[in-house]
N, C-alpha and C. Protein backbone atom coordinates (compact mmCIF):
# COMPACT_ATOMS: atom_id res chain seq x y z
N MET A 1 143.27 73.79 181.40
CA MET A 1 142.08 73.62 182.21
C MET A 1 142.44 73.80 183.68
N VAL A 2 141.51 74.34 184.42
CA VAL A 2 141.71 74.67 185.82
C VAL A 2 141.55 73.44 186.71
N GLN A 3 142.44 73.32 187.69
CA GLN A 3 142.33 72.26 188.69
C GLN A 3 141.44 72.75 189.82
N ILE A 4 140.47 71.94 190.20
CA ILE A 4 139.58 72.27 191.31
C ILE A 4 140.00 71.45 192.51
N ASN A 5 140.42 72.14 193.57
CA ASN A 5 140.89 71.49 194.78
C ASN A 5 139.85 71.67 195.89
N TRP A 6 139.33 70.56 196.41
CA TRP A 6 138.39 70.61 197.53
C TRP A 6 139.19 70.57 198.82
N THR A 7 139.09 71.63 199.62
CA THR A 7 139.81 71.67 200.90
C THR A 7 139.17 70.68 201.88
N LEU A 8 139.89 70.41 202.95
CA LEU A 8 139.35 69.52 203.98
C LEU A 8 138.05 70.06 204.55
N GLN A 9 137.98 71.38 204.73
CA GLN A 9 136.75 71.99 205.25
C GLN A 9 135.58 71.75 204.31
N ALA A 10 135.81 71.94 203.01
CA ALA A 10 134.73 71.75 202.04
C ALA A 10 134.28 70.29 201.99
N LYS A 11 135.22 69.37 202.07
CA LYS A 11 134.87 67.94 202.10
C LYS A 11 134.06 67.62 203.37
N TYR A 12 134.47 68.20 204.48
CA TYR A 12 133.76 68.02 205.75
C TYR A 12 132.34 68.57 205.65
N ASP A 13 132.21 69.74 205.02
CA ASP A 13 130.89 70.34 204.83
C ASP A 13 129.99 69.43 204.01
N LEU A 14 130.51 68.89 202.91
CA LEU A 14 129.71 67.97 202.08
C LEU A 14 129.27 66.75 202.87
N LYS A 15 130.19 66.23 203.67
CA LYS A 15 129.86 65.06 204.49
C LYS A 15 128.73 65.39 205.46
N ASN A 16 128.81 66.56 206.10
CA ASN A 16 127.77 66.97 207.04
C ASN A 16 126.42 67.20 206.35
N ILE A 17 126.47 67.78 205.17
CA ILE A 17 125.24 67.99 204.40
C ILE A 17 124.59 66.64 204.09
N ALA A 18 125.41 65.71 203.62
CA ALA A 18 124.90 64.38 203.28
C ALA A 18 124.31 63.68 204.50
N GLU A 19 125.00 63.77 205.62
CA GLU A 19 124.50 63.12 206.84
C GLU A 19 123.18 63.73 207.30
N TYR A 20 123.09 65.03 207.23
CA TYR A 20 121.87 65.71 207.68
C TYR A 20 120.68 65.35 206.78
N ILE A 21 120.87 65.43 205.47
CA ILE A 21 119.78 65.14 204.54
C ILE A 21 119.41 63.66 204.58
N SER A 22 120.40 62.80 204.79
CA SER A 22 120.13 61.35 204.76
C SER A 22 119.24 60.90 205.93
N LYS A 23 119.07 61.74 206.93
CA LYS A 23 118.14 61.40 208.01
C LYS A 23 116.72 61.25 207.45
N ASP A 24 116.44 62.00 206.39
CA ASP A 24 115.14 61.91 205.73
C ASP A 24 115.17 61.04 204.48
N SER A 25 116.28 61.17 203.72
CA SER A 25 116.36 60.43 202.45
C SER A 25 117.81 60.28 202.01
N VAL A 26 118.28 59.05 201.99
CA VAL A 26 119.63 58.77 201.52
C VAL A 26 119.76 59.12 200.04
N THR A 27 118.74 58.83 199.29
CA THR A 27 118.75 59.13 197.85
C THR A 27 118.88 60.62 197.61
N TYR A 28 118.08 61.42 198.31
CA TYR A 28 118.13 62.86 198.13
C TYR A 28 119.47 63.43 198.61
N ALA A 29 120.02 62.86 199.66
CA ALA A 29 121.32 63.31 200.17
C ALA A 29 122.41 63.12 199.10
N LYS A 30 122.43 61.95 198.49
CA LYS A 30 123.41 61.69 197.42
C LYS A 30 123.20 62.63 196.25
N ARG A 31 121.94 62.85 195.91
CA ARG A 31 121.61 63.73 194.79
C ARG A 31 122.07 65.17 195.06
N GLN A 32 121.86 65.65 196.28
CA GLN A 32 122.25 67.02 196.62
C GLN A 32 123.76 67.19 196.58
N VAL A 33 124.50 66.24 197.12
CA VAL A 33 125.96 66.32 197.09
C VAL A 33 126.46 66.28 195.65
N LEU A 34 125.87 65.46 194.83
CA LEU A 34 126.25 65.40 193.42
C LEU A 34 125.97 66.72 192.71
N LYS A 35 124.83 67.33 193.00
CA LYS A 35 124.50 68.64 192.40
C LYS A 35 125.55 69.69 192.79
N ILE A 36 125.93 69.68 194.06
CA ILE A 36 126.93 70.65 194.53
C ILE A 36 128.25 70.42 193.82
N ARG A 37 128.68 69.17 193.75
CA ARG A 37 129.96 68.87 193.07
C ARG A 37 129.89 69.24 191.58
N ASN A 38 128.79 68.91 190.94
CA ASN A 38 128.65 69.20 189.51
C ASN A 38 128.60 70.70 189.23
N ARG A 39 128.08 71.46 190.18
CA ARG A 39 127.99 72.92 189.99
C ARG A 39 129.37 73.55 189.84
N THR A 40 130.39 72.94 190.43
CA THR A 40 131.73 73.51 190.38
C THR A 40 132.46 73.25 189.06
N VAL A 41 131.91 72.37 188.24
CA VAL A 41 132.56 72.04 186.96
C VAL A 41 132.73 73.28 186.08
N VAL A 42 131.81 74.24 186.19
CA VAL A 42 131.90 75.46 185.40
C VAL A 42 133.23 76.19 185.65
N LEU A 43 133.81 75.99 186.82
CA LEU A 43 135.06 76.68 187.16
C LEU A 43 136.25 76.20 186.34
N LYS A 44 136.14 75.02 185.76
CA LYS A 44 137.24 74.51 184.94
C LYS A 44 137.50 75.39 183.73
N ARG A 45 136.47 76.10 183.28
CA ARG A 45 136.62 76.96 182.11
C ARG A 45 136.41 78.43 182.41
N GLN A 46 135.71 78.73 183.50
CA GLN A 46 135.39 80.12 183.83
C GLN A 46 135.57 80.36 185.33
N ILE A 47 136.79 80.61 185.76
CA ILE A 47 137.04 80.73 187.20
C ILE A 47 136.40 81.97 187.82
N HIS A 48 136.09 82.95 187.01
CA HIS A 48 135.47 84.17 187.53
C HIS A 48 133.95 84.16 187.40
N SER A 49 133.37 82.98 187.15
CA SER A 49 131.92 82.92 186.92
C SER A 49 131.11 83.17 188.18
N GLY A 50 131.67 82.91 189.34
CA GLY A 50 130.96 83.18 190.58
C GLY A 50 131.05 84.65 190.95
N LYS A 51 130.13 85.07 191.82
CA LYS A 51 130.17 86.48 192.25
C LYS A 51 131.04 86.61 193.50
N ILE A 52 131.53 87.81 193.73
CA ILE A 52 132.33 88.09 194.91
C ILE A 52 131.43 87.94 196.14
N VAL A 53 131.96 87.30 197.19
CA VAL A 53 131.19 87.08 198.41
C VAL A 53 131.04 88.42 199.13
N PRO A 54 129.81 88.94 199.28
CA PRO A 54 129.61 90.27 199.85
C PRO A 54 130.16 90.42 201.27
N GLU A 55 130.10 89.37 202.07
CA GLU A 55 130.58 89.45 203.45
C GLU A 55 132.10 89.55 203.54
N ILE A 56 132.78 89.18 202.49
CA ILE A 56 134.25 89.15 202.51
C ILE A 56 134.87 90.26 201.67
N GLU A 57 134.24 90.58 200.54
CA GLU A 57 134.68 91.64 199.63
C GLU A 57 136.13 91.49 199.18
N ASN A 58 136.50 90.27 198.85
CA ASN A 58 137.82 89.99 198.29
C ASN A 58 137.57 89.43 196.90
N PRO A 59 138.10 90.07 195.85
CA PRO A 59 137.81 89.60 194.48
C PRO A 59 138.32 88.19 194.17
N GLU A 60 139.20 87.65 195.01
CA GLU A 60 139.68 86.30 194.81
C GLU A 60 138.80 85.26 195.47
N ILE A 61 137.92 85.68 196.37
CA ILE A 61 137.01 84.76 197.04
C ILE A 61 135.61 84.99 196.48
N ARG A 62 135.09 83.95 195.83
CA ARG A 62 133.83 84.04 195.11
C ARG A 62 132.90 82.91 195.50
N GLU A 63 131.67 82.96 195.00
CA GLU A 63 130.72 81.91 195.33
C GLU A 63 129.86 81.55 194.14
N LEU A 64 129.51 80.28 194.12
CA LEU A 64 128.50 79.76 193.21
C LEU A 64 127.32 79.34 194.08
N ILE A 65 126.14 79.43 193.55
CA ILE A 65 124.94 79.03 194.28
C ILE A 65 124.39 77.75 193.69
N GLU A 66 124.07 76.81 194.56
CA GLU A 66 123.39 75.58 194.15
C GLU A 66 122.27 75.33 195.14
N GLY A 67 121.07 75.62 194.73
CA GLY A 67 119.92 75.47 195.63
C GLY A 67 120.07 76.41 196.82
N SER A 68 120.07 75.86 198.01
CA SER A 68 120.20 76.65 199.23
C SER A 68 121.65 76.77 199.70
N TYR A 69 122.58 76.31 198.89
CA TYR A 69 123.97 76.27 199.32
C TYR A 69 124.85 77.26 198.56
N ARG A 70 125.76 77.85 199.29
CA ARG A 70 126.76 78.75 198.73
C ARG A 70 128.07 77.98 198.68
N ILE A 71 128.60 77.81 197.49
CA ILE A 71 129.88 77.12 197.30
C ILE A 71 130.94 78.20 197.20
N ILE A 72 131.70 78.36 198.26
CA ILE A 72 132.65 79.47 198.32
C ILE A 72 134.03 78.96 197.94
N TYR A 73 134.64 79.66 196.99
CA TYR A 73 135.94 79.23 196.48
C TYR A 73 136.90 80.40 196.37
N LYS A 74 138.18 80.06 196.32
CA LYS A 74 139.22 81.07 196.19
C LYS A 74 140.02 80.80 194.93
N ILE A 75 140.25 81.85 194.17
CA ILE A 75 141.09 81.73 192.97
C ILE A 75 142.54 81.80 193.44
N ILE A 76 143.23 80.70 193.31
CA ILE A 76 144.63 80.62 193.72
C ILE A 76 145.52 81.11 192.57
N SER A 77 145.21 80.66 191.37
CA SER A 77 145.92 81.09 190.16
C SER A 77 144.97 80.87 188.99
N GLU A 78 145.41 81.18 187.80
CA GLU A 78 144.59 80.95 186.62
C GLU A 78 144.43 79.45 186.33
N GLU A 79 145.23 78.62 187.00
CA GLU A 79 145.17 77.18 186.81
C GLU A 79 144.57 76.43 187.98
N ARG A 80 144.26 77.13 189.08
CA ARG A 80 143.78 76.41 190.27
C ARG A 80 142.80 77.25 191.09
N VAL A 81 141.71 76.59 191.52
CA VAL A 81 140.79 77.18 192.49
C VAL A 81 140.62 76.19 193.64
N ASP A 82 140.47 76.74 194.83
CA ASP A 82 140.21 75.92 196.01
C ASP A 82 138.77 76.15 196.46
N ILE A 83 138.03 75.07 196.61
CA ILE A 83 136.70 75.16 197.20
C ILE A 83 136.93 75.25 198.71
N LEU A 84 136.57 76.38 199.31
CA LEU A 84 136.85 76.61 200.72
C LEU A 84 135.79 76.03 201.64
N THR A 85 134.53 76.20 201.27
CA THR A 85 133.45 75.73 202.12
C THR A 85 132.16 75.64 201.31
N VAL A 86 131.24 74.87 201.82
CA VAL A 86 129.89 74.81 201.27
C VAL A 86 128.98 75.20 202.43
N HIS A 87 128.28 76.31 202.26
CA HIS A 87 127.58 76.95 203.38
C HIS A 87 126.10 77.10 203.05
N HIS A 88 125.24 76.70 203.98
CA HIS A 88 123.80 76.86 203.77
C HIS A 88 123.46 78.35 203.85
N SER A 89 122.70 78.83 202.89
CA SER A 89 122.43 80.26 202.78
C SER A 89 121.58 80.81 203.93
N ALA A 90 120.89 79.97 204.67
CA ALA A 90 120.08 80.44 205.80
C ALA A 90 120.94 80.74 207.03
N ARG A 91 122.18 80.31 207.01
CA ARG A 91 123.07 80.53 208.15
C ARG A 91 123.92 81.78 207.94
N ASP A 92 124.38 82.33 209.04
CA ASP A 92 125.18 83.55 209.04
C ASP A 92 126.63 83.23 208.67
N LEU A 93 127.06 83.70 207.53
CA LEU A 93 128.41 83.42 207.05
C LEU A 93 129.46 84.17 207.87
N THR A 94 129.10 85.30 208.44
CA THR A 94 130.08 86.09 209.19
C THR A 94 130.59 85.36 210.45
N ARG A 95 129.89 84.34 210.87
CA ARG A 95 130.33 83.55 212.04
C ARG A 95 131.40 82.52 211.67
N ARG A 96 131.61 82.33 210.37
CA ARG A 96 132.61 81.36 209.91
C ARG A 96 133.91 82.07 209.59
N LYS A 97 134.98 81.39 209.83
CA LYS A 97 136.30 81.92 209.46
C LYS A 97 136.69 81.31 208.12
N ILE A 98 136.72 82.15 207.11
CA ILE A 98 137.06 81.70 205.77
C ILE A 98 138.40 82.30 205.42
N LYS A 99 139.32 81.42 205.05
CA LYS A 99 140.69 81.86 204.76
C LYS A 99 140.94 81.89 203.28
């Protein structure tokens, strides 16, 4: 089974998402973060299930979609993926530095 590693950037992104949404609803903020985390479970069995990120065009960097969020991850090996960032789809991804 594949290990899913959340990078510091991805954890920071989740924290920011939760803080922003919690201004309106703490319950909905928790629910949204949980949905994002649960969406990545599919990677434990299918690391190639996400599509290649068009702005990056690297077959090792892929994304899953959860609502308005793009969960961008990198395939490190057949046993490990790193969640690089969680990005709102309304924002310009080309302004972010994704490694």
